[in-house]
């Protein structure tokens, strides 16, 4: 896993810390109990319950490790200090697709916060990368699987 900075809002950072606490304090002990209970049922070679409990524990530990990594590399961005003269992380950018003339507003966020249904796109996505650094009125050219897409930056807000 590459050491990249994960830009997050204070709210997202707190939610990640709560999730990590839940995983460590509640789910990890529950996984250990499930393994112990399955182990008590006898022969481990043919104990599907034991195998499933061990696999679930492995997946839980991987999730904990991944979340710890995200938290360790998180950089909290204060929305009050964001420069709206150009597109940056956590700005809301209103763009018009030059081909379809459709206008949409996206918030540029870190990978952990990306949620297309909430109009939050990752700064590392093709559109996000194409928009970063652009100013109002500028055209961003984004390489997409079906060719180059052009977006005009209409507005930049927080």
N, C-alpha and C. Protein backbone atom coordinates (compact mmCIF):
# COMPACT_ATOMS: atom_id res chain seq x y z
N UNK A 1 0.84 -1.18 0.00
CA UNK A 1 0.00 0.00 0.00
C UNK A 1 0.89 1.25 0.00
N UNK A 2 0.63 2.15 -0.91
CA UNK A 2 1.47 3.35 -1.00
C UNK A 2 1.10 4.32 0.12
N UNK A 3 2.09 5.04 0.58
CA UNK A 3 1.87 6.02 1.65
C UNK A 3 1.36 7.31 1.02
N UNK A 4 0.06 7.45 0.94
CA UNK A 4 -0.53 8.68 0.41
C UNK A 4 -1.27 9.38 1.53
N UNK A 5 -1.43 10.66 1.39
CA UNK A 5 -2.17 11.42 2.38
C UNK A 5 -3.64 11.31 2.06
N UNK A 6 -4.44 11.04 3.07
CA UNK A 6 -5.89 10.98 2.91
C UNK A 6 -6.47 12.26 3.49
N UNK A 7 -6.96 13.14 2.63
CA UNK A 7 -7.54 14.40 3.08
C UNK A 7 -8.98 14.15 3.50
N UNK A 8 -9.28 14.49 4.74
CA UNK A 8 -10.62 14.24 5.27
C UNK A 8 -11.09 15.44 6.09
N UNK A 9 -12.41 15.53 6.24
CA UNK A 9 -12.96 16.55 7.12
C UNK A 9 -12.84 16.03 8.55
N UNK A 10 -12.99 16.92 9.51
CA UNK A 10 -12.93 16.53 10.93
C UNK A 10 -14.01 15.49 11.22
N UNK A 11 -15.21 15.67 10.64
CA UNK A 11 -16.32 14.74 10.88
C UNK A 11 -15.96 13.33 10.41
N UNK A 12 -15.39 13.22 9.21
CA UNK A 12 -15.02 11.91 8.68
C UNK A 12 -13.93 11.27 9.54
N UNK A 13 -12.97 12.08 10.00
CA UNK A 13 -11.89 11.57 10.84
C UNK A 13 -12.48 10.98 12.13
N UNK A 14 -13.43 11.69 12.74
CA UNK A 14 -14.06 11.20 13.97
C UNK A 14 -14.84 9.91 13.71
N UNK A 15 -15.54 9.84 12.58
CA UNK A 15 -16.29 8.63 12.24
C UNK A 15 -15.35 7.44 12.05
N UNK A 16 -14.20 7.67 11.43
CA UNK A 16 -13.22 6.58 11.23
C UNK A 16 -12.68 6.11 12.58
N UNK A 17 -12.41 7.04 13.49
CA UNK A 17 -11.92 6.65 14.82
C UNK A 17 -12.97 5.84 15.58
N UNK A 18 -14.25 6.24 15.45
CA UNK A 18 -15.34 5.50 16.10
C UNK A 18 -15.44 4.09 15.52
N UNK A 19 -15.34 3.99 14.19
CA UNK A 19 -15.42 2.68 13.54
C UNK A 19 -14.27 1.78 14.00
N UNK A 20 -13.07 2.33 14.08
CA UNK A 20 -11.91 1.56 14.52
C UNK A 20 -12.11 1.07 15.96
N UNK A 21 -12.63 1.93 16.82
CA UNK A 21 -12.90 1.55 18.21
C UNK A 21 -13.91 0.41 18.25
N UNK A 22 -14.97 0.51 17.45
CA UNK A 22 -16.00 -0.54 17.38
C UNK A 22 -15.38 -1.87 16.93
N UNK A 23 -14.53 -1.82 15.91
CA UNK A 23 -13.90 -3.04 15.40
C UNK A 23 -13.02 -3.68 16.46
N UNK A 24 -12.23 -2.87 17.16
CA UNK A 24 -11.29 -3.40 18.15
C UNK A 24 -11.97 -3.81 19.45
N UNK A 25 -12.90 -3.01 19.94
CA UNK A 25 -13.49 -3.24 21.26
C UNK A 25 -14.67 -4.21 21.24
N UNK A 26 -15.38 -4.29 20.13
CA UNK A 26 -16.59 -5.12 20.09
C UNK A 26 -16.43 -6.32 19.14
N UNK A 27 -16.06 -6.04 17.89
CA UNK A 27 -16.03 -7.12 16.90
C UNK A 27 -14.85 -8.07 17.07
N UNK A 28 -13.67 -7.54 17.46
CA UNK A 28 -12.51 -8.42 17.65
C UNK A 28 -12.76 -9.44 18.76
N UNK A 29 -13.26 -9.01 19.97
CA UNK A 29 -13.55 -10.00 21.01
C UNK A 29 -14.63 -11.01 20.58
N UNK A 30 -15.62 -10.53 19.81
CA UNK A 30 -16.68 -11.43 19.34
C UNK A 30 -16.11 -12.49 18.40
N UNK A 31 -15.17 -12.09 17.55
CA UNK A 31 -14.53 -13.04 16.63
C UNK A 31 -13.73 -14.08 17.42
N UNK A 32 -13.03 -13.63 18.44
CA UNK A 32 -12.25 -14.56 19.28
C UNK A 32 -13.17 -15.55 19.99
N UNK A 33 -14.32 -15.07 20.49
CA UNK A 33 -15.29 -15.96 21.15
C UNK A 33 -15.84 -16.98 20.17
N UNK A 34 -16.13 -16.55 18.94
CA UNK A 34 -16.67 -17.47 17.93
C UNK A 34 -15.66 -18.58 17.62
N UNK A 35 -14.38 -18.24 17.57
CA UNK A 35 -13.33 -19.25 17.32
C UNK A 35 -13.25 -20.21 18.50
N UNK A 36 -13.28 -19.67 19.72
CA UNK A 36 -13.21 -20.51 20.91
C UNK A 36 -14.40 -21.48 20.98
N UNK A 37 -15.60 -20.97 20.68
CA UNK A 37 -16.79 -21.82 20.71
C UNK A 37 -16.70 -22.92 19.65
N UNK A 38 -16.23 -22.58 18.46
CA UNK A 38 -16.10 -23.57 17.39
C UNK A 38 -15.04 -24.60 17.75
N UNK A 39 -13.95 -24.15 18.39
CA UNK A 39 -12.86 -25.05 18.78
C UNK A 39 -13.35 -26.09 19.78
N UNK A 40 -14.25 -25.69 20.66
CA UNK A 40 -14.79 -26.60 21.68
C UNK A 40 -15.63 -27.72 21.08
N UNK A 41 -16.04 -27.55 19.83
CA UNK A 41 -16.91 -28.55 19.20
C UNK A 41 -16.13 -29.72 18.62
N UNK A 42 -14.83 -29.79 18.88
CA UNK A 42 -14.11 -31.00 18.50
C UNK A 42 -13.15 -30.84 17.35
N UNK A 43 -13.05 -31.90 16.53
CA UNK A 43 -12.07 -32.04 15.46
C UNK A 43 -12.03 -30.81 14.55
N UNK A 44 -10.88 -30.14 14.55
CA UNK A 44 -10.75 -28.89 13.79
C UNK A 44 -10.60 -29.13 12.28
N UNK A 45 -10.20 -30.33 11.89
CA UNK A 45 -9.99 -30.61 10.46
C UNK A 45 -11.30 -30.55 9.68
N UNK A 46 -12.40 -30.97 10.31
CA UNK A 46 -13.67 -31.00 9.60
C UNK A 46 -14.70 -30.10 10.27
N UNK A 47 -14.23 -28.98 10.79
CA UNK A 47 -15.11 -28.08 11.51
C UNK A 47 -15.28 -26.81 10.68
N UNK A 48 -16.36 -26.78 9.87
CA UNK A 48 -16.62 -25.64 8.99
C UNK A 48 -16.86 -24.36 9.79
N UNK A 49 -17.46 -24.50 10.96
CA UNK A 49 -17.73 -23.35 11.82
C UNK A 49 -16.41 -22.70 12.25
N UNK A 50 -15.43 -23.54 12.60
CA UNK A 50 -14.11 -23.04 13.02
C UNK A 50 -13.43 -22.33 11.84
N UNK A 51 -13.47 -22.97 10.65
CA UNK A 51 -12.86 -22.36 9.46
C UNK A 51 -13.50 -21.01 9.15
N UNK A 52 -14.82 -20.94 9.23
CA UNK A 52 -15.54 -19.69 8.93
C UNK A 52 -15.17 -18.62 9.96
N UNK A 53 -15.07 -19.01 11.24
CA UNK A 53 -14.74 -18.05 12.29
C UNK A 53 -13.31 -17.53 12.10
N UNK A 54 -12.38 -18.41 11.72
CA UNK A 54 -10.99 -18.00 11.48
C UNK A 54 -10.92 -17.05 10.28
N UNK A 55 -11.68 -17.36 9.22
CA UNK A 55 -11.69 -16.51 8.02
C UNK A 55 -12.28 -15.13 8.35
N UNK A 56 -13.37 -15.12 9.13
CA UNK A 56 -13.99 -13.85 9.52
C UNK A 56 -13.02 -13.03 10.37
N UNK A 57 -12.27 -13.70 11.24
CA UNK A 57 -11.29 -12.99 12.06
C UNK A 57 -10.19 -12.39 11.19
N UNK A 58 -9.73 -13.14 10.19
CA UNK A 58 -8.71 -12.64 9.27
C UNK A 58 -9.17 -11.41 8.52
N UNK A 59 -10.43 -11.44 8.05
CA UNK A 59 -10.99 -10.30 7.32
C UNK A 59 -11.14 -9.10 8.25
N UNK A 60 -11.54 -9.33 9.49
CA UNK A 60 -11.68 -8.26 10.48
C UNK A 60 -10.33 -7.62 10.76
N UNK A 61 -9.29 -8.45 10.95
CA UNK A 61 -7.95 -7.92 11.22
C UNK A 61 -7.43 -7.11 10.03
N UNK A 62 -7.74 -7.55 8.81
CA UNK A 62 -7.31 -6.81 7.61
C UNK A 62 -8.02 -5.45 7.56
N UNK A 63 -9.30 -5.44 7.92
CA UNK A 63 -10.07 -4.19 7.92
C UNK A 63 -9.52 -3.23 8.97
N UNK A 64 -9.18 -3.76 10.15
CA UNK A 64 -8.60 -2.94 11.23
C UNK A 64 -7.28 -2.35 10.75
N UNK A 65 -6.43 -3.17 10.14
CA UNK A 65 -5.11 -2.72 9.67
C UNK A 65 -5.28 -1.63 8.60
N UNK A 66 -6.22 -1.82 7.67
CA UNK A 66 -6.45 -0.85 6.60
C UNK A 66 -6.93 0.47 7.18
N UNK A 67 -7.88 0.41 8.13
CA UNK A 67 -8.43 1.62 8.74
C UNK A 67 -7.37 2.35 9.56
N UNK A 68 -6.52 1.58 10.27
CA UNK A 68 -5.42 2.20 11.03
C UNK A 68 -4.48 2.95 10.09
N UNK A 69 -4.25 2.37 8.90
CA UNK A 69 -3.39 3.01 7.90
C UNK A 69 -4.00 4.31 7.39
N UNK A 70 -5.30 4.29 7.13
CA UNK A 70 -5.99 5.49 6.64
C UNK A 70 -5.94 6.59 7.70
N UNK A 71 -6.20 6.21 8.96
CA UNK A 71 -6.18 7.18 10.05
C UNK A 71 -4.77 7.75 10.24
N UNK A 72 -3.76 6.88 10.15
CA UNK A 72 -2.37 7.32 10.33
C UNK A 72 -1.94 8.32 9.26
N UNK A 73 -2.48 8.20 8.05
CA UNK A 73 -2.08 9.09 6.96
C UNK A 73 -3.11 10.19 6.70
N UNK A 74 -4.11 10.30 7.59
CA UNK A 74 -5.16 11.30 7.40
C UNK A 74 -4.64 12.70 7.71
N UNK A 75 -5.07 13.62 6.88
CA UNK A 75 -4.78 15.03 7.12
C UNK A 75 -6.13 15.73 7.17
N UNK A 76 -6.43 16.31 8.33
CA UNK A 76 -7.72 16.98 8.50
C UNK A 76 -7.65 18.35 7.85
N UNK A 77 -8.62 18.60 6.98
CA UNK A 77 -8.68 19.87 6.27
C UNK A 77 -9.81 20.70 6.86
N UNK A 78 -9.49 21.92 7.24
CA UNK A 78 -10.48 22.85 7.78
C UNK A 78 -11.17 23.55 6.61
N UNK A 79 -12.47 23.37 6.49
CA UNK A 79 -13.21 23.96 5.36
C UNK A 79 -13.17 25.48 5.36
N UNK A 80 -12.85 26.11 6.50
CA UNK A 80 -12.79 27.58 6.57
C UNK A 80 -11.54 28.15 5.91
N UNK A 81 -10.53 27.32 5.68
CA UNK A 81 -9.27 27.82 5.13
C UNK A 81 -9.08 27.44 3.67
N UNK A 82 -10.12 26.92 3.04
CA UNK A 82 -10.00 26.46 1.66
C UNK A 82 -10.03 27.63 0.68
N UNK A 83 -9.07 27.62 -0.24
CA UNK A 83 -8.95 28.63 -1.29
C UNK A 83 -9.91 28.25 -2.42
N UNK A 84 -10.87 29.13 -2.74
CA UNK A 84 -11.83 28.80 -3.80
C UNK A 84 -11.49 29.48 -5.13
N UNK A 85 -10.26 30.00 -5.26
CA UNK A 85 -9.87 30.61 -6.54
C UNK A 85 -9.56 29.53 -7.57
N UNK A 86 -9.28 28.31 -7.09
CA UNK A 86 -9.05 27.18 -8.00
C UNK A 86 -9.61 25.92 -7.35
N UNK A 87 -9.78 24.87 -8.16
CA UNK A 87 -10.32 23.62 -7.65
C UNK A 87 -9.25 22.92 -6.80
N UNK A 88 -9.61 22.63 -5.54
CA UNK A 88 -8.72 21.89 -4.64
C UNK A 88 -9.54 20.86 -3.89
N UNK A 89 -8.87 20.08 -3.06
CA UNK A 89 -9.57 19.09 -2.24
C UNK A 89 -10.58 19.81 -1.35
N UNK A 90 -11.75 19.22 -1.22
CA UNK A 90 -12.89 19.69 -0.43
C UNK A 90 -13.62 20.90 -1.01
N UNK A 91 -13.25 21.38 -2.21
CA UNK A 91 -14.06 22.43 -2.82
C UNK A 91 -15.24 21.77 -3.54
N UNK A 92 -16.30 22.54 -3.70
CA UNK A 92 -17.44 22.09 -4.52
C UNK A 92 -17.28 22.79 -5.86
N UNK A 93 -17.29 22.02 -6.92
CA UNK A 93 -17.08 22.59 -8.24
C UNK A 93 -18.29 22.27 -9.13
N UNK A 94 -18.84 23.32 -9.73
CA UNK A 94 -19.95 23.15 -10.66
C UNK A 94 -19.34 23.13 -12.05
N UNK A 95 -19.61 22.04 -12.77
CA UNK A 95 -19.03 21.86 -14.10
C UNK A 95 -20.13 21.57 -15.11
N UNK A 96 -19.85 21.95 -16.36
CA UNK A 96 -20.75 21.63 -17.45
C UNK A 96 -20.01 20.72 -18.41
N UNK A 97 -20.64 19.58 -18.72
CA UNK A 97 -20.09 18.67 -19.71
C UNK A 97 -20.28 19.33 -21.07
N UNK A 98 -19.19 19.63 -21.76
CA UNK A 98 -19.25 20.38 -23.02
C UNK A 98 -20.00 19.61 -24.12
N UNK A 99 -20.00 18.28 -24.05
CA UNK A 99 -20.68 17.49 -25.08
C UNK A 99 -22.19 17.42 -24.84
N UNK A 100 -22.58 17.18 -23.58
CA UNK A 100 -24.00 16.99 -23.28
C UNK A 100 -24.68 18.26 -22.77
N UNK A 101 -23.88 19.28 -22.43
CA UNK A 101 -24.35 20.55 -21.85
C UNK A 101 -25.01 20.34 -20.48
N UNK A 102 -24.78 19.17 -19.87
CA UNK A 102 -25.34 18.87 -18.55
C UNK A 102 -24.44 19.49 -17.49
N UNK A 103 -25.06 20.18 -16.53
CA UNK A 103 -24.30 20.81 -15.44
C UNK A 103 -24.52 20.03 -14.16
N UNK A 104 -23.43 19.81 -13.42
CA UNK A 104 -23.49 19.07 -12.16
C UNK A 104 -22.47 19.67 -11.18
N UNK A 105 -22.78 19.56 -9.89
CA UNK A 105 -21.86 20.04 -8.87
C UNK A 105 -21.31 18.85 -8.10
N UNK A 106 -19.99 18.79 -8.00
CA UNK A 106 -19.30 17.74 -7.26
C UNK A 106 -18.47 18.36 -6.16
N UNK A 107 -18.31 17.62 -5.07
CA UNK A 107 -17.32 18.02 -4.06
C UNK A 107 -16.12 17.10 -4.28
N UNK A 108 -14.94 17.71 -4.33
CA UNK A 108 -13.70 16.94 -4.51
C UNK A 108 -13.25 16.49 -3.11
N UNK A 109 -13.15 15.19 -2.90
CA UNK A 109 -12.82 14.66 -1.57
C UNK A 109 -11.69 13.63 -1.67
N UNK A 110 -11.22 13.18 -0.52
CA UNK A 110 -10.24 12.11 -0.47
C UNK A 110 -10.92 10.79 -0.80
N UNK A 111 -10.13 9.77 -1.12
CA UNK A 111 -10.68 8.49 -1.53
C UNK A 111 -11.66 7.88 -0.53
N UNK A 112 -11.35 8.01 0.75
CA UNK A 112 -12.19 7.41 1.80
C UNK A 112 -13.59 8.02 1.83
N UNK A 113 -13.72 9.27 1.41
CA UNK A 113 -15.02 9.95 1.47
C UNK A 113 -15.80 9.90 0.17
N UNK A 114 -15.20 9.42 -0.91
CA UNK A 114 -15.86 9.42 -2.22
C UNK A 114 -17.19 8.68 -2.16
N UNK A 115 -18.22 9.29 -2.73
CA UNK A 115 -19.56 8.72 -2.75
C UNK A 115 -20.32 9.40 -3.89
N UNK A 116 -20.40 8.74 -5.04
CA UNK A 116 -20.99 9.34 -6.22
C UNK A 116 -22.46 9.72 -6.00
N UNK A 117 -23.18 8.91 -5.21
CA UNK A 117 -24.59 9.23 -4.95
C UNK A 117 -24.72 10.56 -4.21
N UNK A 118 -23.72 10.91 -3.41
CA UNK A 118 -23.73 12.17 -2.66
C UNK A 118 -22.96 13.26 -3.42
N UNK A 119 -22.65 13.00 -4.70
CA UNK A 119 -21.89 13.93 -5.54
C UNK A 119 -20.52 14.28 -4.95
N UNK A 120 -19.88 13.29 -4.33
CA UNK A 120 -18.53 13.46 -3.80
C UNK A 120 -17.61 12.57 -4.62
N UNK A 121 -16.69 13.21 -5.36
CA UNK A 121 -15.78 12.41 -6.19
C UNK A 121 -14.36 12.53 -5.64
N UNK A 122 -13.62 11.45 -5.79
CA UNK A 122 -12.26 11.39 -5.28
C UNK A 122 -11.34 12.28 -6.11
N UNK A 123 -10.41 12.95 -5.41
CA UNK A 123 -9.41 13.78 -6.09
C UNK A 123 -8.51 12.91 -6.96
N UNK A 124 -8.46 11.60 -6.68
CA UNK A 124 -7.61 10.72 -7.47
C UNK A 124 -8.37 10.04 -8.62
N UNK A 125 -9.68 10.32 -8.75
CA UNK A 125 -10.46 9.78 -9.88
C UNK A 125 -10.08 10.55 -11.14
N UNK A 126 -10.36 10.00 -12.32
CA UNK A 126 -10.00 10.73 -13.56
C UNK A 126 -10.59 12.14 -13.61
N UNK A 127 -11.87 12.30 -13.26
CA UNK A 127 -12.49 13.64 -13.30
C UNK A 127 -11.87 14.52 -12.21
N UNK A 128 -11.71 13.96 -11.02
CA UNK A 128 -11.10 14.72 -9.92
C UNK A 128 -9.71 15.22 -10.28
N UNK A 129 -8.88 14.33 -10.83
CA UNK A 129 -7.51 14.72 -11.24
C UNK A 129 -7.56 15.79 -12.31
N UNK A 130 -8.51 15.68 -13.24
CA UNK A 130 -8.63 16.65 -14.33
C UNK A 130 -9.06 18.02 -13.86
N UNK A 131 -9.83 18.06 -12.76
CA UNK A 131 -10.35 19.34 -12.27
C UNK A 131 -9.41 20.05 -11.29
N UNK A 132 -8.60 19.30 -10.56
CA UNK A 132 -7.71 19.91 -9.56
C UNK A 132 -6.83 20.98 -10.21
N UNK A 133 -6.81 22.16 -9.60
CA UNK A 133 -5.97 23.25 -10.09
C UNK A 133 -6.64 24.15 -11.11
N UNK A 134 -7.78 23.75 -11.63
CA UNK A 134 -8.48 24.57 -12.63
C UNK A 134 -9.16 25.76 -11.96
N UNK A 135 -9.34 26.84 -12.72
CA UNK A 135 -10.01 28.04 -12.22
C UNK A 135 -11.34 28.21 -12.94
N UNK A 136 -12.19 29.08 -12.40
CA UNK A 136 -13.51 29.34 -12.97
C UNK A 136 -13.35 29.76 -14.44
N UNK A 137 -14.15 29.15 -15.32
CA UNK A 137 -14.11 29.47 -16.75
C UNK A 137 -13.18 28.57 -17.54
N UNK A 138 -12.30 27.84 -16.86
CA UNK A 138 -11.34 26.99 -17.54
C UNK A 138 -11.99 25.67 -17.97
N UNK A 139 -11.45 25.08 -19.04
CA UNK A 139 -11.95 23.80 -19.54
C UNK A 139 -10.99 22.70 -19.08
N UNK A 140 -11.55 21.67 -18.42
CA UNK A 140 -10.75 20.53 -17.99
C UNK A 140 -10.96 19.41 -19.00
N UNK A 141 -9.88 18.84 -19.49
CA UNK A 141 -9.96 17.69 -20.39
C UNK A 141 -9.64 16.45 -19.59
N UNK A 142 -10.59 15.51 -19.58
CA UNK A 142 -10.46 14.30 -18.78
C UNK A 142 -10.42 13.09 -19.71
N UNK A 143 -9.38 12.28 -19.54
CA UNK A 143 -9.26 11.06 -20.34
C UNK A 143 -10.18 10.00 -19.75
N UNK A 144 -11.19 9.61 -20.49
CA UNK A 144 -12.14 8.58 -20.06
C UNK A 144 -11.99 7.38 -20.99
N UNK A 145 -12.55 6.22 -20.57
CA UNK A 145 -12.44 5.03 -21.42
C UNK A 145 -12.97 5.24 -22.85
N UNK A 146 -13.99 6.11 -22.99
CA UNK A 146 -14.57 6.34 -24.32
C UNK A 146 -14.02 7.59 -24.99
N UNK A 147 -12.85 8.05 -24.55
CA UNK A 147 -12.23 9.22 -25.18
C UNK A 147 -12.09 10.38 -24.22
N UNK A 148 -11.74 11.55 -24.77
CA UNK A 148 -11.53 12.73 -23.94
C UNK A 148 -12.87 13.44 -23.70
N UNK A 149 -13.13 13.72 -22.42
CA UNK A 149 -14.34 14.47 -22.06
C UNK A 149 -13.89 15.87 -21.66
N UNK A 150 -14.67 16.88 -22.02
CA UNK A 150 -14.34 18.26 -21.67
C UNK A 150 -15.39 18.81 -20.73
N UNK A 151 -14.91 19.40 -19.63
CA UNK A 151 -15.79 20.01 -18.64
C UNK A 151 -15.38 21.45 -18.43
N UNK A 152 -16.38 22.35 -18.46
CA UNK A 152 -16.10 23.76 -18.17
C UNK A 152 -16.39 24.01 -16.69
N UNK A 153 -15.43 24.61 -15.99
CA UNK A 153 -15.60 24.95 -14.58
C UNK A 153 -16.48 26.19 -14.50
N UNK A 154 -17.69 26.04 -13.95
CA UNK A 154 -18.65 27.14 -13.86
C UNK A 154 -18.49 27.91 -12.55
N UNK A 155 -18.27 27.18 -11.45
CA UNK A 155 -18.18 27.84 -10.15
C UNK A 155 -17.40 26.96 -9.17
N UNK A 156 -16.75 27.59 -8.20
CA UNK A 156 -15.99 26.89 -7.17
C UNK A 156 -16.40 27.48 -5.82
N UNK A 157 -16.91 26.62 -4.92
CA UNK A 157 -17.33 27.07 -3.59
C UNK A 157 -16.82 26.06 -2.56
N UNK A 158 -17.17 26.35 -1.28
CA UNK A 158 -16.79 25.40 -0.22
C UNK A 158 -18.01 24.58 0.16
